[in-house]
Every structure is written in structure tokens, then in C-alpha cells.
Amino acid sequence: MGTRELSWLDAALRPMSGLGLTEQQQHDFVLTLLGHVRITAQFADSPDQTGVTWATTMTKQVTRSPNDYPALAATAQAGAFEPHERQRFDFGLTCLLDGLQQQTCSSGVRRHR
């Protein structure tokens, strides 16, 4: 991890100091958020070196053996692997931020607007 990445992580932690979370909780949240951003970018519907998208690959693998992966097969059949990165990202971000809000509200910390 270089100095730029450390600076980015430090900048992400700074606004969290007044939320009533421990430093460990703040760090955990920032890493979870970072993981969401990175995994969404990694599985964006852009083709790999062979021109095949992640959605296509997953759908083929899962539908070949639906009895081995029944939950994934149902998910694929419902179209969940189809491209909708922005919707996927927004949903995950909303869940993370709602959870952060719930956690900070339950700790009795109120933010002034």
C-alpha cells in the first residue's frame, strides 16, 4: 500500500470521527465500503480478454449444473446477472449507509445538519 492509498484511506476515515463509532468500527466500515466499490467495478459488465462478460460466464456455469447451485440458478433465471451495475452499486451502497445510520443512531449520536 503506497502513500496515495494511505492518504485516500485517511481521508475516508476523517469524517467518521464524530459518528460515535470506535476506531475499529470506523475502519471496518471504510474497508467494507471499499470492498463494495472494488467488487462492483471488478464484476462490471465489461468483456474479458476473450470478449466474454462476467454475466455470460456465470450464467453458463450455473445453468450447466442447476442442481449443484440451486440458489444461483434461480438468481440467474431471474436475470440478476444481467448488466445493471449502477442499480447494483446503488442498492449495496444504500444498504451499507442505512446500516451505518442504524448503528450510529443506536449509539445515541446525533448529527447536526
PDB file of N, CA and C in Angstrom:
ATOM      1  N   MET A   1       0.867  -1.165   0.000  1.00  0.00           N
ATOM      2  CA  MET A   1       0.000   0.000   0.000  1.00  0.00           C
ATOM      3  C   MET A   1       0.911   1.224   0.000  1.00  0.00           C
ATOM      4  N   GLY A   2       0.708   2.097  -0.975  1.00  0.00           N
ATOM      5  CA  GLY A   2       1.539   3.281  -1.094  1.00  0.00           C
ATOM      6  C   GLY A   2       0.963   4.483  -0.365  1.00  0.00           C
ATOM      7  N   THR A   3       1.687   5.589  -0.434  1.00  0.00           N
ATOM      8  CA  THR A   3       1.279   6.795   0.287  1.00  0.00           C
ATOM      9  C   THR A   3      -0.033   7.371  -0.248  1.00  0.00           C
ATOM     10  N   ARG A   4      -0.290   7.246  -1.524  1.00  0.00           N
ATOM     11  CA  ARG A   4      -1.552   7.764  -2.072  1.00  0.00           C
ATOM     12  C   ARG A   4      -2.745   6.972  -1.550  1.00  0.00           C
ATOM     13  N   GLU A   5      -2.577   5.663  -1.494  1.00  0.00           N
ATOM     14  CA  GLU A   5      -3.671   4.835  -0.984  1.00  0.00           C
ATOM     15  C   GLU A   5      -3.880   5.076   0.511  1.00  0.00           C
ATOM     16  N   LEU A   6      -2.784   5.275   1.240  1.00  0.00           N
ATOM     17  CA  LEU A   6      -2.906   5.608   2.658  1.00  0.00           C
ATOM     18  C   LEU A   6      -3.615   6.946   2.848  1.00  0.00           C
ATOM     19  N   SER A   7      -3.292   7.912   2.006  1.00  0.00           N
ATOM     20  CA  SER A   7      -3.952   9.219   2.087  1.00  0.00           C
ATOM     21  C   SER A   7      -5.435   9.101   1.791  1.00  0.00           C
ATOM     22  N   TRP A   8      -5.787   8.266   0.817  1.00  0.00           N
ATOM     23  CA  TRP A   8      -7.189   8.072   0.471  1.00  0.00           C
ATOM     24  C   TRP A   8      -7.927   7.439   1.648  1.00  0.00           C
ATOM     25  N   LEU A   9      -7.328   6.424   2.267  1.00  0.00           N
ATOM     26  CA  LEU A   9      -7.948   5.758   3.403  1.00  0.00           C
ATOM     27  C   LEU A   9      -8.091   6.720   4.578  1.00  0.00           C
ATOM     28  N   ASP A  10      -7.066   7.532   4.815  1.00  0.00           N
ATOM     29  CA  ASP A  10      -7.126   8.530   5.875  1.00  0.00           C
ATOM     30  C   ASP A  10      -8.254   9.529   5.624  1.00  0.00           C
ATOM     31  N   ALA A  11      -8.398   9.956   4.383  1.00  0.00           N
ATOM     32  CA  ALA A  11      -9.462  10.909   4.027  1.00  0.00           C
ATOM     33  C   ALA A  11     -10.842  10.286   4.224  1.00  0.00           C
ATOM     34  N   ALA A  12     -10.972   9.002   3.972  1.00  0.00           N
ATOM     35  CA  ALA A  12     -12.266   8.325   4.166  1.00  0.00           C
ATOM     36  C   ALA A  12     -12.598   8.179   5.641  1.00  0.00           C
ATOM     37  N   LEU A  13     -11.597   8.048   6.495  1.00  0.00           N
ATOM     38  CA  LEU A  13     -11.824   7.882   7.925  1.00  0.00           C
ATOM     39  C   LEU A  13     -12.152   9.198   8.638  1.00  0.00           C
ATOM     40  N   ARG A  14     -11.597  10.301   8.164  1.00  0.00           N
ATOM     41  CA  ARG A  14     -11.750  11.582   8.868  1.00  0.00           C
ATOM     42  C   ARG A  14     -13.189  11.978   9.159  1.00  0.00           C
ATOM     43  N   PRO A  15     -14.112  11.938   8.205  1.00  0.00           N
ATOM     44  CA  PRO A  15     -15.483  12.378   8.513  1.00  0.00           C
ATOM     45  C   PRO A  15     -16.243  11.430   9.438  1.00  0.00           C
ATOM     46  N   MET A  16     -15.701  10.273   9.696  1.00  0.00           N
ATOM     47  CA  MET A  16     -16.390   9.298  10.537  1.00  0.00           C
ATOM     48  C   MET A  16     -16.140   9.525  12.025  1.00  0.00           C
ATOM     49  N   SER A  17     -15.208  10.405  12.365  1.00  0.00           N
ATOM     50  CA  SER A  17     -14.800  10.555  13.760  1.00  0.00           C
ATOM     51  C   SER A  17     -15.921  11.041  14.676  1.00  0.00           C
ATOM     52  N   GLY A  18     -16.896  11.763  14.166  1.00  0.00           N
ATOM     53  CA  GLY A  18     -17.967  12.275  15.019  1.00  0.00           C
ATOM     54  C   GLY A  18     -19.209  11.410  15.051  1.00  0.00           C
ATOM     55  N   LEU A  19     -19.133  10.190  14.581  1.00  0.00           N
ATOM     56  CA  LEU A  19     -20.322   9.343  14.481  1.00  0.00           C
ATOM     57  C   LEU A  19     -20.559   8.460  15.699  1.00  0.00           C
ATOM     58  N   GLY A  20     -19.669   8.499  16.663  1.00  0.00           N
ATOM     59  CA  GLY A  20     -19.860   7.687  17.854  1.00  0.00           C
ATOM     60  C   GLY A  20     -19.431   6.247  17.689  1.00  0.00           C
ATOM     61  N   LEU A  21     -18.675   5.951  16.670  1.00  0.00           N
ATOM     62  CA  LEU A  21     -18.166   4.600  16.449  1.00  0.00           C
ATOM     63  C   LEU A  21     -16.743   4.510  16.977  1.00  0.00           C
ATOM     64  N   THR A  22     -16.326   3.323  17.346  1.00  0.00           N
ATOM     65  CA  THR A  22     -14.934   3.132  17.735  1.00  0.00           C
ATOM     66  C   THR A  22     -14.066   3.249  16.486  1.00  0.00           C
ATOM     67  N   GLU A  23     -12.797   3.431  16.697  1.00  0.00           N
ATOM     68  CA  GLU A  23     -11.876   3.492  15.560  1.00  0.00           C
ATOM     69  C   GLU A  23     -11.918   2.191  14.762  1.00  0.00           C
ATOM     70  N   GLN A  24     -12.047   1.072  15.466  1.00  0.00           N
ATOM     71  CA  GLN A  24     -12.138  -0.228  14.784  1.00  0.00           C
ATOM     72  C   GLN A  24     -13.390  -0.288  13.908  1.00  0.00           C
ATOM     73  N   GLN A  25     -14.528   0.172  14.418  1.00  0.00           N
ATOM     74  CA  GLN A  25     -15.767   0.181  13.638  1.00  0.00           C
ATOM     75  C   GLN A  25     -15.659   1.115  12.435  1.00  0.00           C
ATOM     76  N   GLN A  26     -15.043   2.263  12.625  1.00  0.00           N
ATOM     77  CA  GLN A  26     -14.845   3.190  11.517  1.00  0.00           C
ATOM     78  C   GLN A  26     -14.001   2.538  10.423  1.00  0.00           C
ATOM     79  N   HIS A  27     -12.911   1.916  10.832  1.00  0.00           N
ATOM     80  CA  HIS A  27     -12.014   1.246   9.884  1.00  0.00           C
ATOM     81  C   HIS A  27     -12.740   0.105   9.181  1.00  0.00           C
ATOM     82  N   ASP A  28     -13.489  -0.682   9.943  1.00  0.00           N
ATOM     83  CA  ASP A  28     -14.243  -1.795   9.354  1.00  0.00           C
ATOM     84  C   ASP A  28     -15.244  -1.298   8.317  1.00  0.00           C
ATOM     85  N   PHE A  29     -15.939  -0.210   8.637  1.00  0.00           N
ATOM     86  CA  PHE A  29     -16.915   0.317   7.692  1.00  0.00           C
ATOM     87  C   PHE A  29     -16.236   0.793   6.411  1.00  0.00           C
ATOM     88  N   VAL A  30     -15.157   1.536   6.548  1.00  0.00           N
ATOM     89  CA  VAL A  30     -14.457   2.054   5.366  1.00  0.00           C
ATOM     90  C   VAL A  30     -13.947   0.897   4.504  1.00  0.00           C
ATOM     91  N   LEU A  31     -13.407  -0.145   5.127  1.00  0.00           N
ATOM     92  CA  LEU A  31     -12.934  -1.297   4.345  1.00  0.00           C
ATOM     93  C   LEU A  31     -14.094  -2.017   3.667  1.00  0.00           C
ATOM     94  N   THR A  32     -15.232  -2.127   4.337  1.00  0.00           N
ATOM     95  CA  THR A  32     -16.408  -2.755   3.734  1.00  0.00           C
ATOM     96  C   THR A  32     -16.896  -1.942   2.544  1.00  0.00           C
ATOM     97  N   LEU A  33     -16.928  -0.634   2.710  1.00  0.00           N
ATOM     98  CA  LEU A  33     -17.321   0.254   1.611  1.00  0.00           C
ATOM     99  C   LEU A  33     -16.349   0.127   0.439  1.00  0.00           C
ATOM    100  N   LEU A  34     -15.076   0.121   0.740  1.00  0.00           N
ATOM    101  CA  LEU A  34     -14.059  -0.053  -0.298  1.00  0.00           C
ATOM    102  C   LEU A  34     -14.249  -1.381  -1.021  1.00  0.00           C
ATOM    103  N   GLY A  35     -14.534  -2.445  -0.265  1.00  0.00           N
ATOM    104  CA  GLY A  35     -14.772  -3.749  -0.881  1.00  0.00           C
ATOM    105  C   GLY A  35     -15.967  -3.722  -1.820  1.00  0.00           C
ATOM    106  N   HIS A  36     -17.026  -3.024  -1.420  1.00  0.00           N
ATOM    107  CA  HIS A  36     -18.215  -2.912  -2.280  1.00  0.00           C
ATOM    108  C   HIS A  36     -17.871  -2.201  -3.584  1.00  0.00           C
ATOM    109  N   VAL A  37     -17.136  -1.117  -3.484  1.00  0.00           N
ATOM    110  CA  VAL A  37     -16.753  -0.358  -4.681  1.00  0.00           C
ATOM    111  C   VAL A  37     -15.888  -1.211  -5.598  1.00  0.00           C
ATOM    112  N   ARG A  38     -14.901  -1.863  -5.030  1.00  0.00           N
ATOM    113  CA  ARG A  38     -13.969  -2.657  -5.849  1.00  0.00           C
ATOM    114  C   ARG A  38     -14.646  -3.860  -6.502  1.00  0.00           C
ATOM    115  N   ILE A  39     -15.476  -4.565  -5.757  1.00  0.00           N
ATOM    116  CA  ILE A  39     -16.100  -5.761  -6.332  1.00  0.00           C
ATOM    117  C   ILE A  39     -17.115  -5.380  -7.403  1.00  0.00           C
ATOM    118  N   THR A  40     -17.816  -4.258  -7.210  1.00  0.00           N
ATOM    119  CA  THR A  40     -18.754  -3.805  -8.232  1.00  0.00           C
ATOM    120  C   THR A  40     -18.000  -3.456  -9.515  1.00  0.00           C
ATOM    121  N   ALA A  41     -16.866  -2.793  -9.358  1.00  0.00           N
ATOM    122  CA  ALA A  41     -16.051  -2.448 -10.531  1.00  0.00           C
ATOM    123  C   ALA A  41     -15.481  -3.702 -11.190  1.00  0.00           C
ATOM    124  N   GLN A  42     -15.048  -4.653 -10.378  1.00  0.00           N
ATOM    125  CA  GLN A  42     -14.460  -5.880 -10.907  1.00  0.00           C
ATOM    126  C   GLN A  42     -15.458  -6.682 -11.740  1.00  0.00           C
ATOM    127  N   PHE A  43     -16.707  -6.721 -11.288  1.00  0.00           N
ATOM    128  CA  PHE A  43     -17.700  -7.513 -11.997  1.00  0.00           C
ATOM    129  C   PHE A  43     -18.586  -6.679 -12.910  1.00  0.00           C
ATOM    130  N   ALA A  44     -18.131  -5.493 -13.238  1.00  0.00           N
ATOM    131  CA  ALA A  44     -18.873  -4.672 -14.191  1.00  0.00           C
ATOM    132  C   ALA A  44     -18.992  -5.455 -15.498  1.00  0.00           C
ATOM    133  N   ASP A  45     -20.024  -5.171 -16.225  1.00  0.00           N
ATOM    134  CA  ASP A  45     -20.294  -5.955 -17.431  1.00  0.00           C
ATOM    135  C   ASP A  45     -19.400  -5.524 -18.587  1.00  0.00           C
ATOM    136  N   SER A  46     -18.109  -5.640 -18.378  1.00  0.00           N
ATOM    137  CA  SER A  46     -17.180  -5.377 -19.464  1.00  0.00           C
ATOM    138  C   SER A  46     -16.519  -6.702 -19.829  1.00  0.00           C
ATOM    139  N   PRO A  47     -16.300  -6.907 -21.097  1.00  0.00           N
ATOM    140  CA  PRO A  47     -15.762  -8.192 -21.535  1.00  0.00           C
ATOM    141  C   PRO A  47     -14.326  -8.413 -21.066  1.00  0.00           C
ATOM    142  N   ASP A  48     -13.986  -9.686 -20.852  1.00  0.00           N
ATOM    143  CA  ASP A  48     -12.603 -10.016 -20.531  1.00  0.00           C
ATOM    144  C   ASP A  48     -11.775 -10.063 -21.815  1.00  0.00           C
ATOM    145  N   GLN A  49     -10.574 -10.619 -21.731  1.00  0.00           N
ATOM    146  CA  GLN A  49      -9.679 -10.660 -22.891  1.00  0.00           C
ATOM    147  C   GLN A  49     -10.281 -11.432 -24.071  1.00  0.00           C
ATOM    148  N   THR A  50     -11.174 -12.374 -23.790  1.00  0.00           N
ATOM    149  CA  THR A  50     -11.762 -13.179 -24.856  1.00  0.00           C
ATOM    150  C   THR A  50     -13.073 -12.596 -25.370  1.00  0.00           C
ATOM    151  N   GLY A  51     -13.515 -11.467 -24.794  1.00  0.00           N
ATOM    152  CA  GLY A  51     -14.749 -10.839 -25.237  1.00  0.00           C
ATOM    153  C   GLY A  51     -15.987 -11.341 -24.519  1.00  0.00           C
ATOM    154  N   VAL A  52     -15.796 -12.149 -23.473  1.00  0.00           N
ATOM    155  CA  VAL A  52     -16.920 -12.718 -22.732  1.00  0.00           C
ATOM    156  C   VAL A  52     -17.139 -11.902 -21.455  1.00  0.00           C
ATOM    157  N   THR A  53     -18.402 -11.620 -21.148  1.00  0.00           N
ATOM    158  CA  THR A  53     -18.706 -10.856 -19.942  1.00  0.00           C
ATOM    159  C   THR A  53     -18.851 -11.778 -18.738  1.00  0.00           C
ATOM    160  N   TRP A  54     -18.716 -11.198 -17.555  1.00  0.00           N
ATOM    161  CA  TRP A  54     -18.897 -11.945 -16.310  1.00  0.00           C
ATOM    162  C   TRP A  54     -20.292 -12.556 -16.248  1.00  0.00           C
ATOM    163  N   ALA A  55     -21.312 -11.795 -16.629  1.00  0.00           N
ATOM    164  CA  ALA A  55     -22.691 -12.279 -16.579  1.00  0.00           C
ATOM    165  C   ALA A  55     -22.868 -13.514 -17.460  1.00  0.00           C
ATOM    166  N   THR A  56     -22.294 -13.482 -18.645  1.00  0.00           N
ATOM    167  CA  THR A  56     -22.391 -14.619 -19.559  1.00  0.00           C
ATOM    168  C   THR A  56     -21.703 -15.843 -18.977  1.00  0.00           C
ATOM    169  N   THR A  57     -20.515 -15.649 -18.445  1.00  0.00           N
ATOM    170  CA  THR A  57     -19.759 -16.753 -17.861  1.00  0.00           C
ATOM    171  C   THR A  57     -20.508 -17.367 -16.684  1.00  0.00           C
ATOM    172  N   MET A  58     -20.989 -16.525 -15.780  1.00  0.00           N
ATOM    173  CA  MET A  58     -21.719 -17.025 -14.612  1.00  0.00           C
ATOM    174  C   MET A  58     -22.984 -17.770 -15.015  1.00  0.00           C
ATOM    175  N   THR A  59     -23.732 -17.199 -15.926  1.00  0.00           N
ATOM    176  CA  THR A  59     -24.977 -17.834 -16.353  1.00  0.00           C
ATOM    177  C   THR A  59     -24.709 -19.212 -16.940  1.00  0.00           C
ATOM    178  N   LYS A  60     -23.694 -19.329 -17.798  1.00  0.00           N
ATOM    179  CA  LYS A  60     -23.346 -20.629 -18.389  1.00  0.00           C
ATOM    180  C   LYS A  60     -22.940 -21.631 -17.329  1.00  0.00           C
ATOM    181  N   GLN A  61     -22.097 -21.222 -16.409  1.00  0.00           N
ATOM    182  CA  GLN A  61     -21.618 -22.147 -15.385  1.00  0.00           C
ATOM    183  C   GLN A  61     -22.750 -22.637 -14.487  1.00  0.00           C
ATOM    184  N   VAL A  62     -23.608 -21.733 -14.092  1.00  0.00           N
ATOM    185  CA  VAL A  62     -24.681 -22.078 -13.161  1.00  0.00           C
ATOM    186  C   VAL A  62     -25.759 -22.906 -13.835  1.00  0.00           C
ATOM    187  N   THR A  63     -26.126 -22.567 -15.054  1.00  0.00           N
ATOM    188  CA  THR A  63     -27.209 -23.287 -15.719  1.00  0.00           C
ATOM    189  C   THR A  63     -26.774 -24.674 -16.205  1.00  0.00           C
ATOM    190  N   ARG A  64     -25.464 -24.901 -16.298  1.00  0.00           N
ATOM    191  CA  ARG A  64     -24.975 -26.242 -16.637  1.00  0.00           C
ATOM    192  C   ARG A  64     -25.266 -27.241 -15.524  1.00  0.00           C
ATOM    193  N   SER A  65     -25.240 -26.775 -14.288  1.00  0.00           N
ATOM    194  CA  SER A  65     -25.435 -27.655 -13.128  1.00  0.00           C
ATOM    195  C   SER A  65     -26.390 -27.015 -12.136  1.00  0.00           C
ATOM    196  N   PRO A  66     -27.652 -26.805 -12.530  1.00  0.00           N
ATOM    197  CA  PRO A  66     -28.578 -26.103 -11.635  1.00  0.00           C
ATOM    198  C   PRO A  66     -28.840 -26.837 -10.325  1.00  0.00           C
ATOM    199  N   ASN A  67     -28.716 -28.153 -10.306  1.00  0.00           N
ATOM    200  CA  ASN A  67     -28.933 -28.897  -9.061  1.00  0.00           C
ATOM    201  C   ASN A  67     -27.785 -28.698  -8.071  1.00  0.00           C
ATOM    202  N   ASP A  68     -26.599 -28.387  -8.596  1.00  0.00           N
ATOM    203  CA  ASP A  68     -25.450 -28.133  -7.724  1.00  0.00           C
ATOM    204  C   ASP A  68     -25.514 -26.740  -7.105  1.00  0.00           C
ATOM    205  N   TYR A  69     -26.144 -25.817  -7.803  1.00  0.00           N
ATOM    206  CA  TYR A  69     -26.209 -24.416  -7.361  1.00  0.00           C
ATOM    207  C   TYR A  69     -27.647 -23.901  -7.448  1.00  0.00           C
ATOM    208  N   PRO A  70     -28.573 -24.463  -6.691  1.00  0.00           N
ATOM    209  CA  PRO A  70     -29.977 -24.105  -6.871  1.00  0.00           C
ATOM    210  C   PRO A  70     -30.284 -22.625  -6.622  1.00  0.00           C
ATOM    211  N   ALA A  71     -29.674 -22.028  -5.629  1.00  0.00           N
ATOM    212  CA  ALA A  71     -29.938 -20.601  -5.361  1.00  0.00           C
ATOM    213  C   ALA A  71     -29.370 -19.733  -6.474  1.00  0.00           C
ATOM    214  N   LEU A  72     -28.163 -20.051  -6.929  1.00  0.00           N
ATOM    215  CA  LEU A  72     -27.571 -19.291  -8.038  1.00  0.00           C
ATOM    216  C   LEU A  72     -28.351 -19.504  -9.332  1.00  0.00           C
ATOM    217  N   ALA A  73     -28.834 -20.719  -9.560  1.00  0.00           N
ATOM    218  CA  ALA A  73     -29.620 -20.997 -10.762  1.00  0.00           C
ATOM    219  C   ALA A  73     -30.897 -20.161 -10.775  1.00  0.00           C
ATOM    220  N   ALA A  74     -31.566 -20.083  -9.632  1.00  0.00           N
ATOM    221  CA  ALA A  74     -32.777 -19.265  -9.544  1.00  0.00           C
ATOM    222  C   ALA A  74     -32.450 -17.791  -9.750  1.00  0.00           C
ATOM    223  N   THR A  75     -31.322 -17.363  -9.208  1.00  0.00           N
ATOM    224  CA  THR A  75     -30.884 -15.978  -9.372  1.00  0.00           C
ATOM    225  C   THR A  75     -30.594 -15.676 -10.837  1.00  0.00           C
ATOM    226  N   ALA A  76     -29.892 -16.580 -11.502  1.00  0.00           N
ATOM    227  CA  ALA A  76     -29.579 -16.397 -12.920  1.00  0.00           C
ATOM    228  C   ALA A  76     -30.845 -16.390 -13.759  1.00  0.00           C
ATOM    229  N   GLN A  77     -31.761 -17.316 -13.460  1.00  0.00           N
ATOM    230  CA  GLN A  77     -33.012 -17.402 -14.213  1.00  0.00           C
ATOM    231  C   GLN A  77     -33.835 -16.119 -14.052  1.00  0.00           C
ATOM    232  N   ALA A  78     -33.727 -15.483 -12.898  1.00  0.00           N
ATOM    233  CA  ALA A  78     -34.461 -14.235 -12.649  1.00  0.00           C
ATOM    234  C   ALA A  78     -33.802 -13.033 -13.324  1.00  0.00           C
ATOM    235  N   GLY A  79     -32.629 -13.243 -13.943  1.00  0.00           N
ATOM    236  CA  GLY A  79     -31.962 -12.151 -14.653  1.00  0.00           C
ATOM    237  C   GLY A  79     -31.053 -11.296 -13.797  1.00  0.00           C
ATOM    238  N   ALA A  80     -30.737 -11.777 -12.598  1.00  0.00           N
ATOM    239  CA  ALA A  80     -29.911 -10.972 -11.690  1.00  0.00           C
ATOM    240  C   ALA A  80     -28.488 -10.776 -12.185  1.00  0.00           C
ATOM    241  N   PHE A  81     -28.003 -11.631 -13.075  1.00  0.00           N
ATOM    242  CA  PHE A  81     -26.646 -11.480 -13.589  1.00  0.00           C
ATOM    243  C   PHE A  81     -26.579 -10.509 -14.765  1.00  0.00           C
ATOM    244  N   GLU A  82     -27.712 -10.091 -15.246  1.00  0.00           N
ATOM    245  CA  GLU A  82     -27.725  -9.166 -16.382  1.00  0.00           C
ATOM    246  C   GLU A  82     -27.131  -7.816 -15.979  1.00  0.00           C
ATOM    247  N   PRO A  83     -26.615  -7.074 -16.939  1.00  0.00           N
ATOM    248  CA  PRO A  83     -25.961  -5.803 -16.616  1.00  0.00           C
ATOM    249  C   PRO A  83     -26.926  -4.795 -15.976  1.00  0.00           C
ATOM    250  N   HIS A  84     -26.557  -4.345 -14.826  1.00  0.00           N
ATOM    251  CA  HIS A  84     -27.254  -3.241 -14.158  1.00  0.00           C
ATOM    252  C   HIS A  84     -26.358  -2.732 -13.031  1.00  0.00           C
ATOM    253  N   GLU A  85     -25.090  -2.451 -13.374  1.00  0.00           N
ATOM    254  CA  GLU A  85     -24.087  -2.096 -12.377  1.00  0.00           C
ATOM    255  C   GLU A  85     -24.509  -0.920 -11.502  1.00  0.00           C
ATOM    256  N   ARG A  86     -25.093   0.099 -12.128  1.00  0.00           N
ATOM    257  CA  ARG A  86     -25.444   1.280 -11.341  1.00  0.00           C
ATOM    258  C   ARG A  86     -26.497   0.924 -10.293  1.00  0.00           C
ATOM    259  N   GLN A  87     -27.495   0.170 -10.697  1.00  0.00           N
ATOM    260  CA  GLN A  87     -28.540  -0.252  -9.762  1.00  0.00           C
ATOM    261  C   GLN A  87     -27.942  -1.146  -8.672  1.00  0.00           C
ATOM    262  N   ARG A  88     -27.067  -2.062  -9.068  1.00  0.00           N
ATOM    263  CA  ARG A  88     -26.414  -2.965  -8.125  1.00  0.00           C
ATOM    264  C   ARG A  88     -25.569  -2.167  -7.138  1.00  0.00           C
ATOM    265  N   PHE A  89     -24.801  -1.224  -7.648  1.00  0.00           N
ATOM    266  CA  PHE A  89     -23.956  -0.403  -6.785  1.00  0.00           C
ATOM    267  C   PHE A  89     -24.802   0.422  -5.821  1.00  0.00           C
ATOM    268  N   ASP A  90     -25.840   1.079  -6.349  1.00  0.00           N
ATOM    269  CA  ASP A  90     -26.687   1.930  -5.513  1.00  0.00           C
ATOM    270  C   ASP A  90     -27.387   1.131  -4.416  1.00  0.00           C
ATOM    271  N   PHE A  91     -27.874  -0.063  -4.753  1.00  0.00           N
ATOM    272  CA  PHE A  91     -28.541  -0.891  -3.752  1.00  0.00           C
ATOM    273  C   PHE A  91     -27.578  -1.257  -2.624  1.00  0.00           C
ATOM    274  N   GLY A  92     -26.405  -1.721  -2.989  1.00  0.00           N
ATOM    275  CA  GLY A  92     -25.418  -2.089  -1.978  1.00  0.00           C
ATOM    276  C   GLY A  92     -24.990  -0.901  -1.136  1.00  0.00           C
ATOM    277  N   LEU A  93     -24.783   0.240  -1.777  1.00  0.00           N
ATOM    278  CA  LEU A  93     -24.389   1.444  -1.047  1.00  0.00           C
ATOM    279  C   LEU A  93     -25.483   1.877  -0.084  1.00  0.00           C
ATOM    280  N   THR A  94     -26.724   1.822  -0.532  1.00  0.00           N
ATOM    281  CA  THR A  94     -27.847   2.175   0.337  1.00  0.00           C
ATOM    282  C   THR A  94     -27.895   1.256   1.555  1.00  0.00           C
ATOM    283  N   CYS A  95     -27.705  -0.037   1.347  1.00  0.00           N
ATOM    284  CA  CYS A  95     -27.699  -0.982   2.476  1.00  0.00           C
ATOM    285  C   CYS A  95     -26.573  -0.652   3.454  1.00  0.00           C
ATOM    286  N   LEU A  96     -25.397  -0.358   2.933  1.00  0.00           N
ATOM    287  CA  LEU A  96     -24.270  -0.020   3.807  1.00  0.00           C
ATOM    288  C   LEU A  96     -24.542   1.257   4.593  1.00  0.00           C
ATOM    289  N   LEU A  97     -25.016   2.289   3.911  1.00  0.00           N
ATOM    290  CA  LEU A  97     -25.255   3.563   4.591  1.00  0.00           C
ATOM    291  C   LEU A  97     -26.424   3.483   5.561  1.00  0.00           C
ATOM    292  N   ASP A  98     -27.465   2.731   5.209  1.00  0.00           N
ATOM    293  CA  ASP A  98     -28.575   2.536   6.143  1.00  0.00           C
ATOM    294  C   ASP A  98     -28.098   1.809   7.403  1.00  0.00           C
ATOM    295  N   GLY A  99     -27.237   0.842   7.216  1.00  0.00           N
ATOM    296  CA  GLY A  99     -26.681   0.129   8.361  1.00  0.00           C
ATOM    297  C   GLY A  99     -25.818   1.034   9.229  1.00  0.00           C
ATOM    298  N   LEU A 100     -25.037   1.887   8.587  1.00  0.00           N
ATOM    299  CA  LEU A 100     -24.224   2.853   9.332  1.00  0.00           C
ATOM    300  C   LEU A 100     -25.121   3.808  10.108  1.00  0.00           C
ATOM    301  N   GLN A 101     -26.179   4.273   9.468  1.00  0.00           N
ATOM    302  CA  GLN A 101     -27.114   5.176  10.146  1.00  0.00           C
ATOM    303  C   GLN A 101     -27.756   4.477  11.344  1.00  0.00           C
ATOM    304  N   GLN A 102     -28.184   3.261  11.162  1.00  0.00           N
ATOM    305  CA  GLN A 102     -28.794   2.496  12.259  1.00  0.00           C
ATOM    306  C   GLN A 102     -27.811   2.338  13.413  1.00  0.00           C
ATOM    307  N   GLN A 103     -26.589   2.020  13.078  1.00  0.00           N
ATOM    308  CA  GLN A 103     -25.563   1.824  14.102  1.00  0.00           C
ATOM    309  C   GLN A 103     -25.284   3.118  14.860  1.00  0.00           C
ATOM    310  N   THR A 104     -25.181   4.221  14.152  1.00  0.00           N
ATOM    311  CA  THR A 104     -24.861   5.492  14.816  1.00  0.00           C
ATOM    312  C   THR A 104     -26.067   6.006  15.604  1.00  0.00           C
ATOM    313  N   CYS A 105     -27.267   5.791  15.098  1.00  0.00           N
ATOM    314  CA  CYS A 105     -28.472   6.229  15.844  1.00  0.00           C
ATOM    315  C   CYS A 105     -28.646   5.425  17.118  1.00  0.00           C
ATOM    316  N   SER A 106     -28.336   4.144  17.061  1.00  0.00           N
ATOM    317  CA  SER A 106     -28.489   3.303  18.247  1.00  0.00           C
ATOM    318  C   SER A 106     -27.437   3.626  19.306  1.00  0.00           C
ATOM    319  N   SER A 107     -26.357   4.281  18.882  1.00  0.00           N
ATOM    320  CA  SER A 107     -25.335   4.655  19.868  1.00  0.00           C
ATOM    321  C   SER A 107     -25.633   5.995  20.508  1.00  0.00           C
ATOM    322  N   GLY A 108     -26.732   6.639  20.092  1.00  0.00           N
ATOM    323  CA  GLY A 108     -27.157   7.902  20.702  1.00  0.00           C
ATOM    324  C   GLY A 108     -26.495   9.132  20.131  1.00  0.00           C
ATOM    325  N   VAL A 109     -25.732   8.994  19.076  1.00  0.00           N
ATOM    326  CA  VAL A 109     -25.044  10.150  18.475  1.00  0.00           C
ATOM    327  C   VAL A 109     -25.990  10.816  17.492  1.00  0.00           C
ATOM    328  N   ARG A 110     -26.146  12.097  17.616  1.00  0.00           N
ATOM    329  CA  ARG A 110     -26.997  12.875  16.696  1.00  0.00           C
ATOM    330  C   ARG A 110     -26.117  13.815  15.896  1.00  0.00           C
ATOM    331  N   ARG A 111     -26.319  13.847  14.614  1.00  0.00           N
ATOM    332  CA  ARG A 111     -25.576  14.776  13.765  1.00  0.00           C
ATOM    333  C   ARG A 111     -26.387  16.021  13.559  1.00  0.00           C
ATOM    334  N   HIS A 112     -25.737  17.142  13.596  1.00  0.00           N
ATOM    335  CA  HIS A 112     -26.392  18.422  13.325  1.00  0.00           C
ATOM    336  C   HIS A 112     -26.271  18.708  11.837  1.00  0.00           C
ATOM    337  N   ARG A 113     -27.351  19.177  11.264  1.00  0.00           N
ATOM    338  CA  ARG A 113     -27.335  19.485   9.829  1.00  0.00           C
ATOM    339  C   ARG A 113     -27.148  20.945   9.614  1.00  0.00           C
TER     340      ARG A 113
END
